[in-house]
Amino acid sequence: MIRRGSLFLAVLLTLQTGMSGALAANHKPTLAQIEAAKKEELAKKKVADAAMQRLLKARGDLKKLTALANQAQARFLSAQNELVKATAVANKAAADYQEAVAAVAFTHREIGKLAINAYTSGGGLTDIEALLSASGPQEMIDRLNTLENLGSGNKTALKRFKAAEEIAQEAKAEAEIAKEAQRVVTLKVAAAKKEADDAKAEQQKEVDKLQAVQDKLQRDLASAKKVRITLEQRRQLAILEETRANEASKVKNQSRVWKAGGPTGKSTSRTTEAQRLQAVEFAKKQVLARKPYVWGNEGPNSFDCSGLVYAAYKSAGLGWPIWDRLNSGLYYTYTKQIPLSEMQPGDLTFYSYKGTISTIHHMGIYAGGGMMWEARSTKSGLRYSSIYSVDGLMPYAGRV
């Protein structure tokens, strides 16, 4: 027997698909209804499968774009690092140049002193003026060569300063060129990174959209599947119920209580006396409210025999997984079996047309005093009856 909660959900889904009228008229779905449900499920599956293929492709594209974006990020970080290095080199070259310039300026002052000494020692004033007006180290050296009083050590110092200035100027120029080139490269790489990131973000949006569509289609498919399964199960149960009812009607002159061996159910009970009395009170209210018998229902507006039992104990606080919607035969083995002589209100009575568990076809809730609350049949509805009013009482009651 399927769980009652699943059955209720599936029935609701069936009502939403427009089959409520047929199911209300007959609790046994037709083969045509089941076939229609299968076609509906298959159609939804095809749509969901096609959507899944689109989603898988989009995920593949996103994976590729993510790899490209990661590569662009790596290139961008590398370019940034190179730009930092190029900037450091340029700064170092600029500092070296400034040092060379300062050294040359110092040398100008020293040469001025040398020139004054040369004059004092008898050198010509014209030579001194020519020396001080030199535009650079090389020209100064060239002119100093004309001074007889300038020592060879000072000439060597001037050559060294000249070389240092030229090297500093070249290094500065090269460093600035490298820095500018790296700046341009960094800008280009940053633009490529942004383009890759934007493409990845747009593809992620597409994947998210397709994922939402796929999730919706999967929910629709699951709903269609539940409808189909429920229809099939309802038909199977209805056929079984009809078969048992027909066989039970053919049994004549059987004793009121079947003879059987010892109990075979659970060894313990899951309820308190207060819960059992609460279940009895619930069943009583449904009977007194003259609610109808509808096979497969567990309320609140109609019940079958096991549905009344399930709803009564659910109202007393029992829920899944310790309490589930089962058929009468399963309830017999699912509860602690109590001899009829020891029954208490709230225990369950069972009826079989052959005295076997597999042929149990009805159940009720013991009210006390040899009476029970039950959902008898479509014709009789919910009743307060003698426990012997139905043929085939099993020798044990069930205590939940």
Protein backbone atom coordinates (compact mmCIF):
# COMPACT_ATOMS: atom_id res chain seq x y z
CA MET A 1 0.00 0.00 0.00
CA ILE A 2 1.41 3.40 -0.85
CA ARG A 3 1.88 6.02 1.85
CA ARG A 4 -1.21 8.05 2.50
CA GLY A 5 0.61 11.38 2.17
CA SER A 6 1.89 10.44 -1.28
CA LEU A 7 -1.57 9.31 -2.30
CA PHE A 8 -3.09 12.57 -1.18
CA LEU A 9 -0.51 14.61 -3.10
CA ALA A 10 -0.96 12.54 -6.22
CA VAL A 11 -4.74 12.91 -6.05
CA LEU A 12 -4.33 16.67 -5.85
CA LEU A 13 -2.09 16.59 -8.90
CA THR A 14 -4.64 14.46 -10.70
CA LEU A 15 -7.35 16.98 -9.92
CA GLN A 16 -5.16 19.70 -11.41
CA THR A 17 -4.83 17.79 -14.70
CA GLY A 18 -8.57 17.79 -15.25
CA MET A 19 -9.34 14.20 -14.28
CA SER A 20 -11.15 14.97 -11.05
CA GLY A 21 -14.58 14.28 -12.45
CA ALA A 22 -13.74 10.78 -13.58
CA LEU A 23 -11.97 9.88 -10.34
CA ALA A 24 -14.79 11.23 -8.24
CA ALA A 25 -17.25 9.09 -10.12
CA ASN A 26 -15.12 5.94 -9.92
CA HIS A 27 -12.19 5.33 -7.60
CA LYS A 28 -10.83 2.75 -10.05
CA PRO A 29 -9.04 4.66 -12.85
CA THR A 30 -9.60 3.38 -16.37
CA LEU A 31 -6.88 2.07 -18.64
CA ALA A 32 -7.52 5.07 -20.89
CA GLN A 33 -6.78 7.43 -18.00
CA ILE A 34 -3.57 5.59 -17.20
CA GLU A 35 -2.52 5.63 -20.87
CA ALA A 36 -3.21 9.37 -21.06
CA ALA A 37 -1.10 9.90 -17.95
CA LYS A 38 1.74 7.89 -19.52
CA LYS A 39 1.62 10.02 -22.68
CA GLU A 40 1.61 13.18 -20.60
CA GLU A 41 4.62 11.95 -18.63
CA LEU A 42 6.47 10.96 -21.83
CA ALA A 43 5.81 14.36 -23.43
CA LYS A 44 7.14 16.16 -20.37
CA LYS A 45 10.18 13.88 -20.31
CA LYS A 46 11.02 14.74 -23.94
CA VAL A 47 10.82 18.45 -23.18
CA ALA A 48 12.94 18.03 -20.05
CA ASP A 49 15.55 15.95 -21.93
CA ALA A 50 15.83 18.59 -24.68
CA ALA A 51 16.21 21.32 -22.08
CA MET A 52 18.90 19.28 -20.33
CA GLN A 53 20.90 19.07 -23.56
CA ARG A 54 20.76 22.85 -23.90
CA LEU A 55 21.81 23.22 -20.29
CA LEU A 56 24.74 20.82 -20.73
CA LYS A 57 25.94 22.74 -23.79
CA ALA A 58 25.68 26.04 -21.93
CA ARG A 59 27.63 24.58 -19.03
CA GLY A 60 30.33 23.42 -21.47
CA ASP A 61 30.53 26.90 -22.99
CA LEU A 62 30.73 28.41 -19.52
CA LYS A 63 33.58 26.08 -18.64
CA LYS A 64 35.53 27.19 -21.73
CA LEU A 65 34.86 30.87 -21.06
CA THR A 66 35.91 30.42 -17.44
CA ALA A 67 39.22 28.93 -18.60
CA LEU A 68 39.76 31.90 -20.95
CA ALA A 69 38.90 34.35 -18.18
CA ASN A 70 41.36 32.63 -15.86
CA GLN A 71 44.07 32.84 -18.54
CA ALA A 72 43.32 36.53 -19.06
CA GLN A 73 43.52 37.07 -15.31
CA ALA A 74 46.93 35.37 -15.22
CA ARG A 75 48.20 37.51 -18.11
CA PHE A 76 46.89 40.64 -16.42
CA LEU A 77 48.64 39.84 -13.16
CA SER A 78 51.87 39.07 -15.06
CA ALA A 79 51.64 42.38 -16.95
CA GLN A 80 51.06 44.23 -13.71
CA ASN A 81 54.14 42.61 -12.20
CA GLU A 82 56.23 43.52 -15.25
CA LEU A 83 54.98 47.09 -15.10
CA VAL A 84 56.03 47.30 -11.45
CA LYS A 85 59.50 46.02 -12.40
CA ALA A 86 59.79 48.42 -15.37
CA THR A 87 58.73 51.32 -13.17
CA ALA A 88 61.35 50.36 -10.58
CA VAL A 89 64.05 50.21 -13.26
CA ALA A 90 62.99 53.60 -14.64
CA ASN A 91 63.04 55.13 -11.18
CA LYS A 92 66.48 53.67 -10.51
CA ALA A 93 67.79 55.00 -13.85
CA ALA A 94 66.36 58.45 -13.10
CA ALA A 95 68.05 58.43 -9.69
CA ASP A 96 71.38 57.39 -11.24
CA TYR A 97 71.06 60.17 -13.80
CA GLN A 98 70.46 62.73 -11.11
CA GLU A 99 73.55 61.50 -9.29
CA ALA A 100 75.62 61.82 -12.49
CA VAL A 101 74.29 65.33 -13.08
CA ALA A 102 75.23 66.30 -9.54
CA ALA A 103 78.70 64.84 -10.01
CA VAL A 104 79.22 66.76 -13.25
CA ALA A 105 78.09 70.00 -11.58
CA PHE A 106 80.58 69.34 -8.81
CA THR A 107 83.30 68.80 -11.41
CA HIS A 108 82.42 72.15 -13.06
CA ARG A 109 83.14 73.82 -9.75
CA GLU A 110 86.41 71.95 -9.34
CA ILE A 111 87.49 72.87 -12.84
CA GLY A 112 86.76 76.50 -12.05
CA LYS A 113 89.18 76.27 -9.20
CA LEU A 114 91.74 74.61 -11.48
CA ALA A 115 91.30 77.34 -14.04
CA ILE A 116 91.86 80.04 -11.40
CA ASN A 117 94.99 78.25 -10.31
CA ALA A 118 96.13 78.07 -13.90
CA TYR A 119 95.62 81.82 -14.26
CA THR A 120 97.45 82.53 -11.05
CA SER A 121 100.29 80.40 -12.28
CA GLY A 122 100.55 82.43 -15.48
CA GLY A 123 97.81 80.92 -17.73
CA GLY A 124 95.91 83.11 -20.12
CA LEU A 125 92.50 84.59 -19.17
CA THR A 126 91.15 83.77 -22.57
CA ASP A 127 91.78 80.08 -21.97
CA ILE A 128 89.98 80.25 -18.63
CA GLU A 129 86.87 81.83 -20.15
CA ALA A 130 86.79 79.22 -22.90
CA LEU A 131 87.02 76.48 -20.30
CA LEU A 132 84.18 77.76 -18.12
CA SER A 133 81.88 78.27 -21.12
CA ALA A 134 82.12 74.60 -22.19
CA SER A 135 78.73 73.02 -22.84
CA GLY A 136 79.54 69.54 -21.54
CA PRO A 137 82.18 67.18 -20.19
CA GLN A 138 83.63 66.25 -23.59
CA GLU A 139 83.98 69.84 -24.77
CA MET A 140 85.41 70.76 -21.39
CA ILE A 141 87.99 67.98 -21.66
CA ASP A 142 88.83 69.01 -25.17
CA ARG A 143 89.42 72.60 -24.01
CA LEU A 144 91.24 71.53 -20.85
CA ASN A 145 93.74 69.72 -23.05
CA THR A 146 94.89 73.17 -24.05
CA LEU A 147 95.70 74.07 -20.48
CA GLU A 148 99.26 73.20 -19.63
CA ASN A 149 98.71 73.45 -15.87
CA LEU A 150 95.88 70.85 -15.60
CA GLY A 151 97.20 67.57 -14.20
CA SER A 152 96.60 64.16 -15.74
CA GLY A 153 94.61 62.95 -12.66
CA ASN A 154 91.99 65.65 -13.12
CA LYS A 155 91.68 64.83 -16.78
CA THR A 156 90.97 61.20 -15.89
CA ALA A 157 88.29 62.26 -13.39
CA LEU A 158 86.59 64.37 -16.02
CA LYS A 159 86.53 61.45 -18.46
CA ARG A 160 84.96 59.22 -15.80
CA PHE A 161 82.24 61.77 -15.08
CA LYS A 162 81.56 62.13 -18.77
CA ALA A 163 81.13 58.38 -19.17
CA ALA A 164 78.87 58.19 -16.08
CA GLU A 165 76.63 60.95 -17.43
CA GLU A 166 76.29 59.29 -20.83
CA ILE A 167 75.46 55.90 -19.28
CA ALA A 168 72.89 57.48 -16.94
CA GLN A 169 71.22 59.32 -19.81
CA GLU A 170 71.02 56.18 -21.94
CA ALA A 171 69.69 54.06 -19.03
CA LYS A 172 67.08 56.67 -18.21
CA ALA A 173 65.88 56.83 -21.82
CA GLU A 174 65.73 53.06 -22.17
CA ALA A 175 63.93 52.63 -18.85
CA GLU A 176 61.32 55.22 -19.75
CA ILE A 177 60.73 53.50 -23.11
CA ALA A 178 60.35 50.10 -21.38
CA LYS A 179 58.03 51.57 -18.79
CA GLU A 180 55.80 53.15 -21.43
CA ALA A 181 55.73 49.96 -23.50
CA GLN A 182 54.76 47.91 -20.43
CA ARG A 183 52.05 50.43 -19.54
CA VAL A 184 50.52 50.02 -23.01
CA VAL A 185 50.70 46.22 -22.75
CA THR A 186 49.07 46.31 -19.33
CA LEU A 187 46.17 48.40 -20.64
CA LYS A 188 45.63 45.98 -23.52
CA VAL A 189 45.73 42.96 -21.23
CA ALA A 190 43.30 44.65 -18.82
CA ALA A 191 40.88 45.24 -21.71
CA ALA A 192 41.17 41.58 -22.76
CA LYS A 193 40.56 40.50 -19.15
CA LYS A 194 37.43 42.65 -18.91
CA GLU A 195 36.11 41.23 -22.18
CA ALA A 196 36.70 37.66 -20.95
CA ASP A 197 35.10 38.40 -17.57
CA ASP A 198 32.06 40.00 -19.22
CA ALA A 199 31.61 37.00 -21.55
CA LYS A 200 31.86 34.64 -18.60
CA ALA A 201 29.30 36.66 -16.60
CA GLU A 202 26.84 36.69 -19.50
CA GLN A 203 27.22 32.94 -20.00
CA GLN A 204 26.68 32.38 -16.28
CA LYS A 205 23.38 34.25 -16.57
CA GLU A 206 22.40 31.97 -19.47
CA VAL A 207 23.31 28.87 -17.49
CA ASP A 208 21.34 30.09 -14.47
CA LYS A 209 18.32 30.78 -16.66
CA LEU A 210 18.48 27.35 -18.30
CA GLN A 211 18.98 25.71 -14.89
CA ALA A 212 15.81 27.37 -13.61
CA VAL A 213 13.92 26.13 -16.66
CA GLN A 214 15.31 22.62 -16.16
CA ASP A 215 14.34 22.62 -12.48
CA LYS A 216 10.78 23.62 -13.40
CA LEU A 217 10.56 20.93 -16.08
CA GLN A 218 11.88 18.30 -13.69
CA ARG A 219 9.22 19.27 -11.14
CA ASP A 220 6.55 19.01 -13.84
CA LEU A 221 7.91 15.63 -14.90
CA ALA A 222 7.92 14.39 -11.30
CA SER A 223 4.32 15.56 -10.91
CA ALA A 224 3.28 13.76 -14.09
CA LYS A 225 5.05 10.62 -12.92
CA LYS A 226 3.25 10.73 -9.57
CA VAL A 227 -0.08 11.09 -11.34
CA ARG A 228 0.67 8.08 -13.54
CA ILE A 229 1.91 5.93 -10.66
CA THR A 230 -1.04 6.88 -8.48
CA LEU A 231 -3.53 6.01 -11.19
CA GLU A 232 -1.88 2.63 -11.70
CA GLN A 233 -1.79 1.90 -7.97
CA ARG A 234 -5.36 3.01 -7.44
CA ARG A 235 -6.51 0.72 -10.22
CA GLN A 236 -4.52 -2.22 -8.82
CA LEU A 237 -5.85 -1.65 -5.31
CA ALA A 238 -9.40 -1.25 -6.56
CA ILE A 239 -9.17 -4.52 -8.50
CA LEU A 240 -7.78 -6.26 -5.40
CA GLU A 241 -10.51 -4.77 -3.21
CA GLU A 242 -13.20 -5.85 -5.67
CA THR A 243 -11.78 -9.36 -5.82
CA ARG A 244 -11.72 -9.69 -2.05
CA ALA A 245 -15.20 -8.27 -1.69
CA ASN A 246 -16.56 -10.71 -4.27
CA GLU A 247 -14.89 -13.69 -2.62
CA ALA A 248 -16.04 -12.60 0.84
CA SER A 249 -19.64 -12.40 -0.36
CA LYS A 250 -19.49 -16.05 -1.45
CA VAL A 251 -18.49 -17.36 2.02
CA LYS A 252 -21.58 -18.85 3.69
CA ASN A 253 -22.25 -19.88 7.27
CA GLN A 254 -18.76 -19.12 8.57
CA SER A 255 -18.34 -18.74 12.29
CA ARG A 256 -18.31 -15.25 13.71
CA VAL A 257 -14.68 -15.57 14.78
CA TRP A 258 -11.98 -17.44 12.91
CA LYS A 259 -9.88 -20.01 14.73
CA ALA A 260 -6.17 -19.28 14.49
CA GLY A 261 -2.83 -19.79 16.24
CA GLY A 262 -0.93 -17.31 18.36
CA PRO A 263 -0.37 -13.62 17.60
CA THR A 264 2.04 -12.71 14.80
CA GLY A 265 2.14 -8.92 15.01
CA LYS A 266 4.41 -6.43 16.76
CA SER A 267 5.68 -7.19 20.26
CA THR A 268 5.05 -3.69 21.63
CA SER A 269 2.51 -0.91 21.38
CA ARG A 270 3.40 2.63 20.28
CA THR A 271 0.51 4.47 21.94
CA THR A 272 -0.67 5.42 25.41
CA GLU A 273 -4.17 4.78 26.68
CA ALA A 274 -4.88 8.50 26.35
CA GLN A 275 -3.94 8.44 22.66
CA ARG A 276 -6.15 5.41 22.03
CA LEU A 277 -9.09 7.13 23.68
CA GLN A 278 -8.42 10.23 21.59
CA ALA A 279 -8.51 8.08 18.43
CA VAL A 280 -11.87 6.62 19.56
CA GLU A 281 -13.26 10.10 20.11
CA PHE A 282 -12.15 11.20 16.65
CA ALA A 283 -13.81 8.19 15.00
CA LYS A 284 -16.97 8.80 16.99
CA LYS A 285 -17.20 12.42 15.76
CA GLN A 286 -16.86 11.34 12.13
CA VAL A 287 -19.63 8.75 12.49
CA LEU A 288 -21.96 11.13 14.29
CA ALA A 289 -21.30 13.71 11.60
CA ARG A 290 -22.70 11.15 9.12
CA LYS A 291 -19.74 11.48 6.81
CA PRO A 292 -19.81 9.21 3.73
CA TYR A 293 -17.72 6.19 2.85
CA VAL A 294 -15.43 6.78 -0.14
CA TRP A 295 -12.84 4.14 -0.94
CA GLY A 296 -9.29 5.41 -0.67
CA ASN A 297 -10.14 8.51 1.40
CA GLU A 298 -8.85 9.42 4.83
CA GLY A 299 -10.89 12.55 5.46
CA PRO A 300 -11.59 15.11 6.37
CA ASN A 301 -14.91 14.82 4.50
CA SER A 302 -15.05 11.07 3.73
CA PHE A 303 -13.28 7.86 4.73
CA ASP A 304 -12.81 4.20 3.97
CA CYS A 305 -12.19 1.69 6.77
CA SER A 306 -8.39 1.96 6.95
CA GLY A 307 -8.57 5.67 6.17
CA LEU A 308 -10.71 6.24 9.28
CA VAL A 309 -8.18 4.30 11.38
CA TYR A 310 -5.26 6.23 9.92
CA ALA A 311 -6.91 9.63 10.44
CA ALA A 312 -8.02 8.76 13.99
CA TYR A 313 -4.53 7.93 15.19
CA LYS A 314 -2.98 10.76 13.24
CA SER A 315 -5.26 13.09 15.20
CA ALA A 316 -3.88 11.48 18.37
CA GLY A 317 -0.37 12.57 17.46
CA LEU A 318 1.07 9.71 15.43
CA GLY A 319 2.93 10.70 12.29
CA TRP A 320 5.42 9.45 9.75
CA PRO A 321 7.59 7.38 10.07
CA ILE A 322 6.01 5.56 13.05
CA TRP A 323 2.51 5.78 11.53
CA ASP A 324 1.61 5.24 7.91
CA ARG A 325 -1.44 4.64 5.72
CA LEU A 326 -1.68 0.87 5.19
CA ASN A 327 -4.38 -1.54 4.08
CA SER A 328 -6.29 -3.60 6.60
CA GLY A 329 -4.15 -6.73 6.22
CA LEU A 330 -0.92 -4.83 6.82
CA TYR A 331 -2.34 -3.08 9.88
CA TYR A 332 -3.01 -6.53 11.35
CA THR A 333 0.73 -7.37 11.30
CA TYR A 334 1.82 -3.77 11.93
CA THR A 335 0.17 -3.62 15.40
CA LYS A 336 0.49 -5.59 18.63
CA GLN A 337 -2.10 -8.36 18.53
CA ILE A 338 -4.40 -8.61 21.54
CA PRO A 339 -6.87 -11.47 22.29
CA LEU A 340 -10.46 -10.35 21.81
CA SER A 341 -11.13 -10.99 25.49
CA GLU A 342 -8.53 -8.35 26.42
CA MET A 343 -9.58 -5.61 23.98
CA GLN A 344 -9.64 -2.01 25.15
CA PRO A 345 -11.17 1.05 23.46
CA GLY A 346 -8.95 2.15 20.60
CA ASP A 347 -7.84 -1.37 19.61
CA LEU A 348 -8.49 -2.36 16.01
CA THR A 349 -10.80 -5.16 14.88
CA PHE A 350 -10.11 -7.09 11.66
CA TYR A 351 -12.31 -9.18 9.35
CA SER A 352 -11.22 -11.86 6.87
CA TYR A 353 -13.20 -14.04 4.50
CA LYS A 354 -10.88 -17.06 4.93
CA GLY A 355 -9.31 -16.47 8.29
CA THR A 356 -5.95 -15.53 6.79
CA ILE A 357 -4.06 -12.24 6.95
CA SER A 358 -3.94 -12.01 3.17
CA THR A 359 -7.75 -12.12 2.96
CA ILE A 360 -8.49 -9.45 5.59
CA HIS A 361 -10.88 -7.02 3.94
CA HIS A 362 -12.25 -4.77 6.69
CA MET A 363 -11.34 -3.15 10.03
CA GLY A 364 -12.87 -1.00 12.75
CA ILE A 365 -11.94 0.89 15.96
CA TYR A 366 -13.15 -0.78 19.14
CA ALA A 367 -15.40 1.50 21.19
CA GLY A 368 -15.90 -0.82 24.17
CA GLY A 369 -18.85 -2.99 25.19
CA GLY A 370 -18.60 -5.16 22.08
CA MET A 371 -19.14 -2.16 19.78
CA MET A 372 -16.94 -0.43 17.20
CA TRP A 373 -16.71 2.70 15.07
CA GLU A 374 -16.22 1.83 11.42
CA ALA A 375 -16.42 2.99 7.80
CA ARG A 376 -18.49 0.07 6.50
CA SER A 377 -19.24 0.58 2.80
CA THR A 378 -20.49 3.01 0.20
CA LYS A 379 -24.05 1.92 0.94
CA SER A 380 -23.84 1.85 4.74
CA GLY A 381 -21.40 4.69 5.28
CA LEU A 382 -19.76 5.29 8.68
CA ARG A 383 -21.39 3.33 11.53
CA TYR A 384 -21.46 2.45 15.22
CA SER A 385 -21.81 -1.32 15.09
CA SER A 386 -21.42 -4.58 16.94
CA ILE A 387 -18.03 -6.11 16.36
CA TYR A 388 -19.91 -9.24 15.24
CA SER A 389 -21.99 -7.44 12.64
CA VAL A 390 -19.38 -8.23 9.98
CA ASP A 391 -18.59 -11.87 9.21
CA GLY A 392 -15.07 -13.21 9.67
CA LEU A 393 -13.80 -11.46 12.83
CA MET A 394 -10.14 -12.34 13.35
CA PRO A 395 -9.21 -13.83 16.75
CA TYR A 396 -6.88 -10.95 17.64
CA ALA A 397 -7.36 -7.22 17.78
CA GLY A 398 -4.52 -4.83 16.96
CA ARG A 399 -3.18 -2.35 19.51
CA VAL A 400 -1.40 0.55 17.79
